Amino acid sequence: MDKLTEKEEEVMELIWQTGPCAPKDVQAAYPCPKPHINTVATMFQSLEKKGYLSHRTSGRGYIYTPIVEKEAYGSNKLDAFINRHFGKSYMKVVSAFVREEKVTEEELAEFLKNLKKD
């Protein structure tokens, strides 16, 4: 999965929220000041080249559809983050959460108990 720039990620987030859409739909979803429509259209083309979108003709324009699910992208990003910052160790991440009190030992025990049920 090709890495996205911050702006491409921003556009993809709006596309995931909107569903199949045209660049003008994403531009309309932006808060003010809105980017120029050409900027948004260029992002769509870049996202398509990277394999995140496909398109179909609709009238005089295109409707783009995400072909990478948000969850798959997030999982890939999480893996890269853990590999880079935690030496590929998910246990180090869990330990950090417990140490920083983001997750209590009781919550972790409950999670493991529920995991064994599945």
C-alpha atoms as a PDB file:
ATOM      1  CA  MET A   1       0.000   0.000   0.000  1.00  0.00           C
ATOM      2  CA  ASP A   2       1.553   3.294  -1.106  1.00  0.00           C
ATOM      3  CA  LYS A   3       2.021   5.899   1.595  1.00  0.00           C
ATOM      4  CA  LEU A   4      -0.289   8.913   1.457  1.00  0.00           C
ATOM      5  CA  THR A   5       0.681  12.510   2.050  1.00  0.00           C
ATOM      6  CA  GLU A   6      -1.140  14.372   4.806  1.00  0.00           C
ATOM      7  CA  LYS A   7      -3.344  16.150   2.240  1.00  0.00           C
ATOM      8  CA  GLU A   8      -4.112  12.905   0.382  1.00  0.00           C
ATOM      9  CA  GLU A   9      -5.077  11.305   3.687  1.00  0.00           C
ATOM     10  CA  GLU A  10      -7.344  14.280   4.411  1.00  0.00           C
ATOM     11  CA  VAL A  11      -9.090  13.851   1.047  1.00  0.00           C
ATOM     12  CA  MET A  12      -9.389  10.069   1.524  1.00  0.00           C
ATOM     13  CA  GLU A  13     -11.020  10.647   4.916  1.00  0.00           C
ATOM     14  CA  LEU A  14     -13.670  12.813   3.242  1.00  0.00           C
ATOM     15  CA  ILE A  15     -14.146  10.222   0.492  1.00  0.00           C
ATOM     16  CA  TRP A  16     -14.608   7.442   3.080  1.00  0.00           C
ATOM     17  CA  GLN A  17     -17.208   9.603   4.832  1.00  0.00           C
ATOM     18  CA  THR A  18     -18.989  10.533   1.594  1.00  0.00           C
ATOM     19  CA  GLY A  19     -18.810   7.261  -0.331  1.00  0.00           C
ATOM     20  CA  PRO A  20     -18.735   7.252  -4.138  1.00  0.00           C
ATOM     21  CA  CYS A  21     -18.363  10.892  -5.162  1.00  0.00           C
ATOM     22  CA  ALA A  22     -16.906  13.492  -7.493  1.00  0.00           C
ATOM     23  CA  PRO A  23     -14.172  15.962  -6.551  1.00  0.00           C
ATOM     24  CA  LYS A  24     -16.807  18.724  -6.228  1.00  0.00           C
ATOM     25  CA  ASP A  25     -18.548  16.668  -3.500  1.00  0.00           C
ATOM     26  CA  VAL A  26     -15.355  16.475  -1.478  1.00  0.00           C
ATOM     27  CA  GLN A  27     -14.608  20.149  -2.040  1.00  0.00           C
ATOM     28  CA  ALA A  28     -18.083  20.977  -0.693  1.00  0.00           C
ATOM     29  CA  ALA A  29     -17.391  18.895   2.429  1.00  0.00           C
ATOM     30  CA  TYR A  30     -14.286  20.917   3.302  1.00  0.00           C
ATOM     31  CA  PRO A  31     -14.564  23.658   5.891  1.00  0.00           C
ATOM     32  CA  CYS A  32     -13.708  27.193   4.777  1.00  0.00           C
ATOM     33  CA  PRO A  33     -11.383  28.134   3.279  1.00  0.00           C
ATOM     34  CA  LYS A  34     -12.114  25.428   0.719  1.00  0.00           C
ATOM     35  CA  PRO A  35      -9.316  24.235  -1.561  1.00  0.00           C
ATOM     36  CA  HIS A  36      -9.638  24.993  -5.271  1.00  0.00           C
ATOM     37  CA  ILE A  37     -11.517  22.325  -7.239  1.00  0.00           C
ATOM     38  CA  ASN A  38      -8.423  21.693  -9.401  1.00  0.00           C
ATOM     39  CA  THR A  39      -6.419  20.899  -6.277  1.00  0.00           C
ATOM     40  CA  VAL A  40      -9.033  18.388  -5.147  1.00  0.00           C
ATOM     41  CA  ALA A  41      -9.279  16.840  -8.626  1.00  0.00           C
ATOM     42  CA  THR A  42      -5.485  16.452  -8.727  1.00  0.00           C
ATOM     43  CA  MET A  43      -5.619  14.663  -5.364  1.00  0.00           C
ATOM     44  CA  PHE A  44      -8.252  12.284  -6.733  1.00  0.00           C
ATOM     45  CA  GLN A  45      -5.995  11.467  -9.694  1.00  0.00           C
ATOM     46  CA  SER A  46      -3.037  10.881  -7.388  1.00  0.00           C
ATOM     47  CA  LEU A  47      -5.127   8.637  -5.115  1.00  0.00           C
ATOM     48  CA  GLU A  48      -6.278   6.653  -8.135  1.00  0.00           C
ATOM     49  CA  LYS A  49      -2.674   6.191  -9.341  1.00  0.00           C
ATOM     50  CA  LYS A  50      -1.726   4.950  -5.869  1.00  0.00           C
ATOM     51  CA  GLY A  51      -4.538   2.387  -5.973  1.00  0.00           C
ATOM     52  CA  TYR A  52      -6.907   3.929  -3.436  1.00  0.00           C
ATOM     53  CA  LEU A  53      -9.691   4.909  -5.846  1.00  0.00           C
ATOM     54  CA  SER A  54     -11.341   3.702  -9.026  1.00  0.00           C
ATOM     55  CA  HIS A  55     -13.659   5.730 -11.239  1.00  0.00           C
ATOM     56  CA  ARG A  56     -16.554   5.408 -13.623  1.00  0.00           C
ATOM     57  CA  THR A  57     -17.929   7.914 -16.090  1.00  0.00           C
ATOM     58  CA  SER A  58     -20.989   9.866 -15.022  1.00  0.00           C
ATOM     59  CA  GLY A  59     -22.220  12.484 -17.464  1.00  0.00           C
ATOM     60  CA  ARG A  60     -19.303  14.757 -18.300  1.00  0.00           C
ATOM     61  CA  GLY A  61     -17.273  13.774 -15.238  1.00  0.00           C
ATOM     62  CA  TYR A  62     -16.263  10.860 -13.084  1.00  0.00           C
ATOM     63  CA  ILE A  63     -17.533   9.276  -9.908  1.00  0.00           C
ATOM     64  CA  TYR A  64     -14.740   7.893  -7.761  1.00  0.00           C
ATOM     65  CA  THR A  65     -15.117   4.953  -5.405  1.00  0.00           C
ATOM     66  CA  PRO A  66     -12.689   4.001  -2.642  1.00  0.00           C
ATOM     67  CA  ILE A  67     -11.150   0.579  -3.235  1.00  0.00           C
ATOM     68  CA  VAL A  68      -9.100   0.596  -0.029  1.00  0.00           C
ATOM     69  CA  GLU A  69     -11.234   0.378   3.095  1.00  0.00           C
ATOM     70  CA  LYS A  70     -10.562   2.827   5.893  1.00  0.00           C
ATOM     71  CA  GLU A  71      -9.949  -0.007   8.366  1.00  0.00           C
ATOM     72  CA  ALA A  72      -7.386  -1.657   6.061  1.00  0.00           C
ATOM     73  CA  TYR A  73      -5.553   1.652   5.660  1.00  0.00           C
ATOM     74  CA  GLY A  74      -5.612   2.263   9.419  1.00  0.00           C
ATOM     75  CA  SER A  75      -4.325  -1.231  10.145  1.00  0.00           C
ATOM     76  CA  ASN A  76      -1.487  -0.771   7.680  1.00  0.00           C
ATOM     77  CA  LYS A  77      -0.586   2.585   9.233  1.00  0.00           C
ATOM     78  CA  LEU A  78      -0.711   1.091  12.728  1.00  0.00           C
ATOM     79  CA  ASP A  79       1.622  -1.736  11.688  1.00  0.00           C
ATOM     80  CA  ALA A  80       4.096   0.765  10.243  1.00  0.00           C
ATOM     81  CA  PHE A  81       3.935   2.890  13.421  1.00  0.00           C
ATOM     82  CA  ILE A  82       4.498  -0.099  15.702  1.00  0.00           C
ATOM     83  CA  ASN A  83       7.331  -1.393  13.530  1.00  0.00           C
ATOM     84  CA  ARG A  84       9.051   2.001  13.558  1.00  0.00           C
ATOM     85  CA  HIS A  85       8.457   3.105  17.150  1.00  0.00           C
ATOM     86  CA  PHE A  86       8.076  -0.117  19.127  1.00  0.00           C
ATOM     87  CA  GLY A  87      10.514  -2.451  17.382  1.00  0.00           C
ATOM     88  CA  LYS A  88       7.690  -4.503  15.801  1.00  0.00           C
ATOM     89  CA  SER A  89       6.490  -5.512  19.276  1.00  0.00           C
ATOM     90  CA  TYR A  90       2.778  -5.285  19.983  1.00  0.00           C
ATOM     91  CA  MET A  91       3.527  -6.322  23.564  1.00  0.00           C
ATOM     92  CA  LYS A  92       5.609  -3.163  23.995  1.00  0.00           C
ATOM     93  CA  VAL A  93       2.569  -1.172  22.857  1.00  0.00           C
ATOM     94  CA  VAL A  94       0.289  -2.929  25.349  1.00  0.00           C
ATOM     95  CA  SER A  95       2.891  -2.434  28.097  1.00  0.00           C
ATOM     96  CA  ALA A  96       3.085   1.267  27.261  1.00  0.00           C
ATOM     97  CA  PHE A  97      -0.711   1.555  27.467  1.00  0.00           C
ATOM     98  CA  VAL A  98      -0.752  -0.115  30.891  1.00  0.00           C
ATOM     99  CA  ARG A  99       2.259   1.882  32.131  1.00  0.00           C
ATOM    100  CA  GLU A 100       0.702   5.179  30.975  1.00  0.00           C
ATOM    101  CA  GLU A 101      -2.636   4.129  32.518  1.00  0.00           C
ATOM    102  CA  LYS A 102      -4.447   4.292  29.167  1.00  0.00           C
ATOM    103  CA  VAL A 103      -5.594   0.721  29.860  1.00  0.00           C
ATOM    104  CA  THR A 104      -5.962  -0.701  33.347  1.00  0.00           C
ATOM    105  CA  GLU A 105      -4.788  -4.160  34.285  1.00  0.00           C
ATOM    106  CA  GLU A 106      -8.439  -5.025  34.982  1.00  0.00           C
ATOM    107  CA  GLU A 107      -9.454  -3.946  31.456  1.00  0.00           C
ATOM    108  CA  LEU A 108      -6.621  -6.006  30.018  1.00  0.00           C
ATOM    109  CA  ALA A 109      -7.660  -9.052  32.054  1.00  0.00           C
ATOM    110  CA  GLU A 110     -11.277  -8.606  30.896  1.00  0.00           C
ATOM    111  CA  PHE A 111     -10.108  -8.338  27.316  1.00  0.00           C
ATOM    112  CA  LEU A 112      -8.107 -11.569  27.607  1.00  0.00           C
ATOM    113  CA  LYS A 113     -11.055 -13.302  29.248  1.00  0.00           C
ATOM    114  CA  ASN A 114     -13.343 -12.251  26.383  1.00  0.00           C
ATOM    115  CA  LEU A 115     -10.718 -13.221  23.823  1.00  0.00           C
ATOM    116  CA  LYS A 116     -10.621 -16.767  25.207  1.00  0.00           C
ATOM    117  CA  LYS A 117     -14.416 -17.018  24.817  1.00  0.00           C
ATOM    118  CA  ASP A 118     -14.152 -16.301  21.071  1.00  0.00           C
END
